[in-house]
Protein backbone atom coordinates (compact mmCIF):
# COMPACT_ATOMS: atom_id res chain seq x y z
CA MET A 1 -104.56 -124.25 13.38
CA LEU A 2 -106.52 -124.51 10.04
CA THR A 3 -106.77 -121.71 8.13
CA LEU A 4 -110.06 -120.76 6.58
CA GLU A 5 -109.12 -122.92 3.06
CA GLU A 6 -108.34 -125.56 4.68
CA LEU A 7 -111.62 -125.33 6.47
CA VAL A 8 -113.63 -124.89 3.47
CA ASP A 9 -111.78 -127.95 1.56
CA LYS A 10 -112.88 -130.28 4.71
CA ALA A 11 -116.51 -128.63 4.48
CA ARG A 12 -116.30 -129.25 0.29
CA ASP A 13 -115.09 -133.12 1.30
CA GLY A 14 -117.98 -133.72 4.15
CA VAL A 15 -120.40 -132.87 1.52
CA THR A 16 -120.01 -135.48 -1.03
CA VAL A 17 -122.61 -137.84 -2.98
CA LYS A 18 -121.62 -140.26 -0.43
CA ARG A 19 -123.31 -138.85 2.32
CA VAL A 20 -126.20 -138.03 0.03
CA PHE A 21 -126.69 -141.75 -1.46
CA GLY A 22 -125.89 -144.38 0.59
CA ASP A 23 -124.32 -147.71 -0.07
CA PRO A 24 -126.84 -150.20 -2.31
CA ILE A 25 -128.33 -152.62 -0.43
CA GLU A 26 -129.77 -155.88 -2.22
CA LYS A 27 -131.94 -158.29 -1.04
CA ASP A 28 -134.12 -160.87 -3.10
CA GLY A 29 -133.60 -159.40 -6.27
CA ILE A 30 -134.42 -155.82 -5.32
CA THR A 31 -132.04 -153.11 -5.07
CA ILE A 32 -132.24 -150.49 -2.16
CA ILE A 33 -130.06 -146.99 -2.50
CA PRO A 34 -130.68 -144.78 0.91
CA VAL A 35 -131.07 -141.06 0.26
CA ALA A 36 -130.43 -138.47 2.53
CA SER A 37 -130.76 -134.61 2.60
CA VAL A 38 -127.59 -132.69 3.31
CA MET A 39 -126.47 -129.50 3.94
CA GLY A 40 -123.44 -127.93 4.99
CA GLY A 41 -121.60 -124.49 5.44
CA ALA A 42 -118.12 -122.60 6.75
CA GLY A 43 -116.92 -119.77 7.68
CA GLY A 44 -114.38 -117.77 9.46
CA GLY A 45 -113.26 -114.22 10.53
CA GLU A 46 -109.95 -112.49 12.13
CA GLY A 47 -109.61 -109.23 13.73
CA PRO A 48 -108.43 -107.19 16.25
CA ALA A 49 -109.59 -108.93 19.60
CA GLY A 50 -108.64 -105.94 21.88
CA SER A 51 -106.64 -102.90 21.98
CA ASP A 52 -104.03 -102.11 25.19
CA GLU A 53 -102.78 -98.68 24.98
CA GLY A 54 -99.35 -98.67 23.78
CA ALA A 55 -99.08 -102.48 23.00
CA ALA A 56 -99.69 -104.04 19.80
CA ALA A 57 -102.91 -105.40 19.81
CA PRO A 58 -103.21 -109.44 19.59
CA THR A 59 -105.33 -110.83 16.85
CA GLY A 60 -108.43 -112.99 17.40
CA ARG A 61 -109.53 -115.42 14.64
CA GLY A 62 -112.46 -118.29 14.52
CA LEU A 63 -113.32 -120.68 12.26
CA GLY A 64 -116.60 -123.01 12.18
CA PHE A 65 -118.35 -125.82 10.22
CA GLY A 66 -121.86 -127.58 10.33
CA LEU A 67 -122.89 -130.04 8.47
CA ARG A 68 -126.68 -131.62 8.59
CA ALA A 69 -127.79 -134.85 7.33
CA THR A 70 -131.34 -136.32 7.65
CA PRO A 71 -132.90 -139.34 5.93
CA ALA A 72 -135.33 -138.69 2.98
CA GLY A 73 -136.24 -141.80 1.46
CA VAL A 74 -135.27 -144.63 -0.75
CA TYR A 75 -134.94 -145.54 -4.47
CA VAL A 76 -135.98 -148.86 -5.43
């Protein structure tokens, strides 16, 4: 299972310049660079999942990551 630090590292790797600016496309002497709007986020938490009288409470945890990329246009 991922730690929160590992999840944040993966989120940081997911939101890169290559996600915003695509590979240049050359056609008839014109270079076109596709551009996207990119947003991402990550989070997590940990704590008691419940309690039983006289027993150690189990620990619950959760992690999540989201990434959204939408086309924004091109540079010519």
